[in-house]
N, C-alpha and C. Protein backbone atom coordinates (compact mmCIF):
# COMPACT_ATOMS: atom_id res chain seq x y z
N MET A 1 -48.45 -92.36 83.07
CA MET A 1 -49.43 -92.87 82.15
C MET A 1 -50.12 -91.73 81.41
N THR A 2 -50.44 -90.67 82.11
CA THR A 2 -51.09 -89.53 81.48
C THR A 2 -50.17 -88.92 80.44
N LEU A 3 -48.89 -88.86 80.71
CA LEU A 3 -47.94 -88.30 79.77
C LEU A 3 -47.92 -89.10 78.48
N ARG A 4 -47.94 -90.41 78.55
CA ARG A 4 -47.95 -91.24 77.36
C ARG A 4 -49.24 -91.04 76.55
N LEU A 5 -50.36 -90.88 77.23
CA LEU A 5 -51.64 -90.67 76.56
C LEU A 5 -51.62 -89.36 75.79
N HIS A 6 -51.11 -88.32 76.42
CA HIS A 6 -51.02 -87.03 75.75
C HIS A 6 -50.05 -87.09 74.57
N SER A 7 -48.94 -87.79 74.75
CA SER A 7 -47.98 -87.92 73.66
C SER A 7 -48.58 -88.66 72.48
N ALA A 8 -49.34 -89.70 72.76
CA ALA A 8 -49.98 -90.46 71.69
C ALA A 8 -51.03 -89.62 70.98
N ALA A 9 -51.79 -88.84 71.74
CA ALA A 9 -52.81 -87.97 71.14
C ALA A 9 -52.15 -86.89 70.29
N LEU A 10 -51.07 -86.33 70.79
CA LEU A 10 -50.34 -85.31 70.05
C LEU A 10 -49.77 -85.88 68.75
N ALA A 11 -49.22 -87.06 68.83
CA ALA A 11 -48.67 -87.70 67.63
C ALA A 11 -49.77 -87.96 66.60
N ALA A 12 -50.93 -88.40 67.06
CA ALA A 12 -52.06 -88.64 66.15
C ALA A 12 -52.53 -87.35 65.51
N MET A 13 -52.59 -86.27 66.29
CA MET A 13 -53.01 -84.97 65.74
C MET A 13 -52.02 -84.47 64.70
N LEU A 14 -50.73 -84.62 64.97
CA LEU A 14 -49.72 -84.19 64.01
C LEU A 14 -49.80 -85.00 62.72
N ALA A 15 -50.07 -86.29 62.84
CA ALA A 15 -50.20 -87.14 61.65
C ALA A 15 -51.39 -86.71 60.82
N LEU A 16 -52.51 -86.38 61.47
CA LEU A 16 -53.70 -85.92 60.74
C LEU A 16 -53.47 -84.56 60.10
N THR A 17 -52.76 -83.69 60.79
CA THR A 17 -52.46 -82.37 60.25
C THR A 17 -51.67 -82.46 58.96
N ALA A 18 -50.78 -83.43 58.88
CA ALA A 18 -49.97 -83.60 57.67
C ALA A 18 -50.83 -83.97 56.47
N LEU A 19 -51.99 -84.53 56.70
CA LEU A 19 -52.87 -84.92 55.60
C LEU A 19 -53.75 -83.78 55.10
N LEU A 20 -53.88 -82.72 55.89
CA LEU A 20 -54.73 -81.60 55.51
C LEU A 20 -54.03 -80.72 54.49
N PRO A 21 -54.81 -80.09 53.58
CA PRO A 21 -54.19 -79.16 52.64
C PRO A 21 -53.69 -77.93 53.38
N PRO A 22 -52.73 -77.22 52.82
CA PRO A 22 -52.25 -76.02 53.49
C PRO A 22 -53.36 -74.98 53.55
N PRO A 23 -53.34 -74.11 54.55
CA PRO A 23 -54.40 -73.10 54.65
C PRO A 23 -54.34 -72.13 53.47
N VAL A 24 -55.49 -71.69 53.03
CA VAL A 24 -55.57 -70.73 51.94
C VAL A 24 -55.69 -69.36 52.55
N HIS A 25 -54.79 -68.47 52.20
CA HIS A 25 -54.81 -67.12 52.72
C HIS A 25 -55.80 -66.27 51.94
N ALA A 26 -56.22 -65.17 52.52
CA ALA A 26 -57.21 -64.31 51.87
C ALA A 26 -56.73 -63.87 50.49
N ASP A 27 -55.45 -63.54 50.36
CA ASP A 27 -54.93 -63.10 49.07
C ASP A 27 -55.08 -64.19 48.01
N GLU A 28 -54.84 -65.43 48.39
CA GLU A 28 -54.98 -66.55 47.44
C GLU A 28 -56.43 -66.73 47.04
N ARG A 29 -57.35 -66.58 47.99
CA ARG A 29 -58.78 -66.68 47.68
C ARG A 29 -59.18 -65.57 46.73
N GLU A 30 -58.71 -64.36 46.98
CA GLU A 30 -59.03 -63.23 46.11
C GLU A 30 -58.47 -63.47 44.70
N GLN A 31 -57.27 -63.99 44.62
CA GLN A 31 -56.68 -64.28 43.31
C GLN A 31 -57.50 -65.32 42.57
N ASP A 32 -57.94 -66.34 43.28
CA ASP A 32 -58.79 -67.35 42.65
C ASP A 32 -60.10 -66.75 42.18
N GLU A 33 -60.69 -65.87 42.98
CA GLU A 33 -61.95 -65.23 42.60
C GLU A 33 -61.76 -64.37 41.35
N VAL A 34 -60.67 -63.64 41.29
CA VAL A 34 -60.39 -62.82 40.12
C VAL A 34 -60.17 -63.70 38.89
N ARG A 35 -59.37 -64.75 39.05
CA ARG A 35 -59.10 -65.66 37.94
C ARG A 35 -60.39 -66.26 37.39
N HIS A 36 -61.27 -66.71 38.28
CA HIS A 36 -62.54 -67.30 37.84
C HIS A 36 -63.44 -66.25 37.18
N SER A 37 -63.39 -65.02 37.67
CA SER A 37 -64.19 -63.95 37.07
C SER A 37 -63.69 -63.63 35.66
N VAL A 38 -62.39 -63.70 35.44
CA VAL A 38 -61.84 -63.51 34.10
C VAL A 38 -62.30 -64.65 33.20
N GLU A 39 -62.23 -65.87 33.70
CA GLU A 39 -62.64 -67.04 32.91
C GLU A 39 -64.12 -66.97 32.52
N ARG A 40 -64.95 -66.41 33.41
CA ARG A 40 -66.38 -66.29 33.13
C ARG A 40 -66.71 -65.07 32.27
N GLY A 41 -65.73 -64.22 32.01
CA GLY A 41 -65.95 -63.03 31.20
C GLY A 41 -66.48 -61.84 31.96
N GLU A 42 -66.49 -61.91 33.29
CA GLU A 42 -66.95 -60.79 34.10
C GLU A 42 -65.90 -59.67 34.14
N ILE A 43 -64.64 -60.07 34.03
CA ILE A 43 -63.51 -59.14 34.07
C ILE A 43 -62.69 -59.36 32.81
N ARG A 44 -62.26 -58.26 32.21
CA ARG A 44 -61.32 -58.40 31.09
C ARG A 44 -59.92 -58.58 31.67
N PRO A 45 -59.10 -59.38 31.01
CA PRO A 45 -57.73 -59.57 31.49
C PRO A 45 -56.97 -58.25 31.55
N LEU A 46 -56.03 -58.18 32.46
CA LEU A 46 -55.24 -56.96 32.65
C LEU A 46 -54.57 -56.52 31.35
N THR A 47 -54.05 -57.45 30.57
CA THR A 47 -53.39 -57.08 29.31
C THR A 47 -54.36 -56.38 28.36
N ASP A 48 -55.60 -56.84 28.30
CA ASP A 48 -56.61 -56.19 27.46
C ASP A 48 -56.93 -54.79 27.96
N ILE A 49 -57.07 -54.65 29.27
CA ILE A 49 -57.38 -53.34 29.86
C ILE A 49 -56.24 -52.37 29.57
N LEU A 50 -55.00 -52.81 29.79
CA LEU A 50 -53.85 -51.92 29.54
C LEU A 50 -53.79 -51.50 28.07
N ALA A 51 -54.04 -52.43 27.17
CA ALA A 51 -54.01 -52.09 25.74
C ALA A 51 -55.08 -51.05 25.40
N ALA A 52 -56.22 -51.14 26.06
CA ALA A 52 -57.33 -50.23 25.77
C ALA A 52 -57.12 -48.83 26.34
N ILE A 53 -56.38 -48.71 27.44
CA ILE A 53 -56.30 -47.40 28.12
C ILE A 53 -54.91 -46.78 28.14
N ARG A 54 -53.89 -47.49 27.70
CA ARG A 54 -52.52 -47.00 27.86
C ARG A 54 -52.33 -45.57 27.34
N ASP A 55 -52.88 -45.25 26.19
CA ASP A 55 -52.72 -43.91 25.62
C ASP A 55 -53.49 -42.84 26.37
N LYS A 56 -54.40 -43.24 27.25
CA LYS A 56 -55.22 -42.29 28.00
C LYS A 56 -54.69 -42.03 29.40
N LEU A 57 -53.66 -42.76 29.80
CA LEU A 57 -53.11 -42.62 31.14
C LEU A 57 -52.19 -41.40 31.21
N PRO A 58 -52.15 -40.73 32.38
CA PRO A 58 -51.32 -39.54 32.51
C PRO A 58 -49.85 -39.82 32.78
N GLY A 59 -49.41 -41.07 32.65
CA GLY A 59 -48.01 -41.42 32.91
C GLY A 59 -47.81 -42.91 32.81
N GLU A 60 -46.79 -43.39 33.53
CA GLU A 60 -46.43 -44.81 33.52
C GLU A 60 -47.08 -45.53 34.69
N VAL A 61 -47.53 -46.75 34.45
CA VAL A 61 -48.15 -47.56 35.49
C VAL A 61 -47.08 -48.01 36.49
N ALA A 62 -47.33 -47.72 37.78
CA ALA A 62 -46.40 -48.12 38.84
C ALA A 62 -46.98 -49.23 39.70
N GLY A 63 -48.29 -49.46 39.60
CA GLY A 63 -48.92 -50.51 40.38
C GLY A 63 -50.36 -50.68 39.94
N VAL A 64 -50.91 -51.84 40.26
CA VAL A 64 -52.30 -52.11 39.89
C VAL A 64 -52.92 -53.05 40.91
N GLU A 65 -54.19 -52.83 41.17
CA GLU A 65 -54.99 -53.72 42.01
C GLU A 65 -56.31 -53.93 41.30
N VAL A 66 -56.95 -55.03 41.59
CA VAL A 66 -58.31 -55.24 41.11
C VAL A 66 -59.14 -55.61 42.33
N GLU A 67 -60.29 -54.97 42.46
CA GLU A 67 -61.13 -55.25 43.61
C GLU A 67 -62.59 -55.06 43.26
N ARG A 68 -63.42 -55.63 44.08
CA ARG A 68 -64.85 -55.52 43.89
C ARG A 68 -65.34 -54.31 44.68
N LYS A 69 -66.01 -53.39 43.98
CA LYS A 69 -66.58 -52.21 44.62
C LYS A 69 -68.04 -52.11 44.20
N ASP A 70 -68.90 -52.02 45.19
CA ASP A 70 -70.34 -51.91 44.91
C ASP A 70 -70.84 -53.01 43.99
N GLY A 71 -70.32 -54.23 44.18
CA GLY A 71 -70.79 -55.38 43.42
C GLY A 71 -70.21 -55.53 42.03
N ARG A 72 -69.23 -54.72 41.67
CA ARG A 72 -68.61 -54.84 40.35
C ARG A 72 -67.10 -54.72 40.50
N TRP A 73 -66.39 -55.20 39.49
CA TRP A 73 -64.93 -55.23 39.52
C TRP A 73 -64.36 -53.93 38.97
N VAL A 74 -63.31 -53.43 39.64
CA VAL A 74 -62.64 -52.19 39.24
C VAL A 74 -61.13 -52.41 39.32
N TYR A 75 -60.43 -52.03 38.25
CA TYR A 75 -58.97 -51.99 38.29
C TYR A 75 -58.58 -50.62 38.83
N GLU A 76 -57.64 -50.60 39.74
CA GLU A 76 -57.10 -49.34 40.26
C GLU A 76 -55.62 -49.29 39.90
N PHE A 77 -55.28 -48.37 39.02
CA PHE A 77 -53.89 -48.20 38.59
C PHE A 77 -53.26 -47.03 39.35
N ARG A 78 -52.01 -47.22 39.78
CA ARG A 78 -51.22 -46.12 40.30
C ARG A 78 -50.28 -45.72 39.17
N VAL A 79 -50.35 -44.46 38.83
CA VAL A 79 -49.63 -43.96 37.67
C VAL A 79 -48.77 -42.78 38.09
N VAL A 80 -47.53 -42.75 37.61
CA VAL A 80 -46.61 -41.65 37.91
C VAL A 80 -46.30 -40.94 36.60
N ASP A 81 -46.48 -39.59 36.60
CA ASP A 81 -46.18 -38.84 35.38
C ASP A 81 -44.72 -38.42 35.36
N ASP A 82 -44.31 -37.73 34.29
CA ASP A 82 -42.90 -37.35 34.12
C ASP A 82 -42.43 -36.30 35.12
N LYS A 83 -43.36 -35.69 35.87
CA LYS A 83 -42.99 -34.72 36.91
C LYS A 83 -42.98 -35.37 38.30
N GLY A 84 -43.23 -36.69 38.34
CA GLY A 84 -43.22 -37.41 39.61
C GLY A 84 -44.53 -37.37 40.37
N ARG A 85 -45.57 -36.82 39.76
CA ARG A 85 -46.87 -36.79 40.44
C ARG A 85 -47.52 -38.16 40.36
N LEU A 86 -48.23 -38.51 41.43
CA LEU A 86 -48.90 -39.81 41.52
C LEU A 86 -50.39 -39.64 41.28
N PHE A 87 -50.94 -40.52 40.45
CA PHE A 87 -52.36 -40.52 40.15
C PHE A 87 -52.92 -41.91 40.44
N GLU A 88 -54.19 -41.95 40.82
CA GLU A 88 -54.93 -43.20 40.87
C GLU A 88 -55.95 -43.14 39.75
N VAL A 89 -55.96 -44.18 38.94
CA VAL A 89 -56.86 -44.25 37.79
C VAL A 89 -57.76 -45.46 38.01
N TYR A 90 -59.07 -45.20 38.06
CA TYR A 90 -60.05 -46.26 38.29
C TYR A 90 -60.71 -46.63 36.97
N VAL A 91 -60.66 -47.94 36.66
CA VAL A 91 -61.12 -48.43 35.36
C VAL A 91 -62.11 -49.57 35.58
N ASP A 92 -63.26 -49.50 34.92
CA ASP A 92 -64.24 -50.58 34.98
C ASP A 92 -63.58 -51.83 34.39
N ALA A 93 -63.56 -52.91 35.15
CA ALA A 93 -62.84 -54.12 34.74
C ALA A 93 -63.58 -54.90 33.66
N HIS A 94 -64.83 -54.56 33.42
CA HIS A 94 -65.60 -55.27 32.40
C HIS A 94 -65.52 -54.59 31.04
N ASN A 95 -65.60 -53.26 31.03
CA ASN A 95 -65.66 -52.57 29.73
C ASN A 95 -64.45 -51.67 29.45
N ALA A 96 -63.48 -51.62 30.35
CA ALA A 96 -62.24 -50.84 30.20
C ALA A 96 -62.48 -49.34 30.14
N LYS A 97 -63.59 -48.87 30.65
CA LYS A 97 -63.87 -47.44 30.68
C LYS A 97 -63.21 -46.81 31.91
N ILE A 98 -62.45 -45.73 31.67
CA ILE A 98 -61.84 -44.99 32.77
C ILE A 98 -62.96 -44.24 33.48
N GLU A 99 -63.11 -44.52 34.77
CA GLU A 99 -64.17 -43.89 35.55
C GLU A 99 -63.73 -42.60 36.20
N ARG A 100 -62.48 -42.57 36.65
CA ARG A 100 -62.00 -41.34 37.27
C ARG A 100 -60.48 -41.40 37.40
N ILE A 101 -59.89 -40.22 37.35
CA ILE A 101 -58.45 -40.07 37.55
C ILE A 101 -58.30 -39.08 38.69
N GLN A 102 -57.56 -39.49 39.70
CA GLN A 102 -57.42 -38.66 40.90
C GLN A 102 -55.94 -38.48 41.22
N GLU A 103 -55.52 -37.23 41.31
CA GLU A 103 -54.12 -36.98 41.72
C GLU A 103 -54.00 -37.16 43.23
N LYS A 104 -52.93 -37.79 43.64
CA LYS A 104 -52.69 -38.05 45.07
C LYS A 104 -51.70 -37.09 45.65
């Protein structure tokens, strides 16, 4: 009798689980936060930032991240020059100003 009760409870839990939305991972939440910040005008879109700074970069963009630092958004570009050196370029996500370029 106990086995049937547990089986029925398990079946009910599985049925309820199927109705729940899939879990949202931290990366998805961060992407949503970035998207909403762009929509509100807090962050300029990546295409706008790249257009504004491309001629000022020391090489080709190999990667990019956007994150909140000290309460504001910053794009972090990984850039490789023609000699294979790696740089990190930090850009204010609101005004497209290059804040610092650091060789790695």
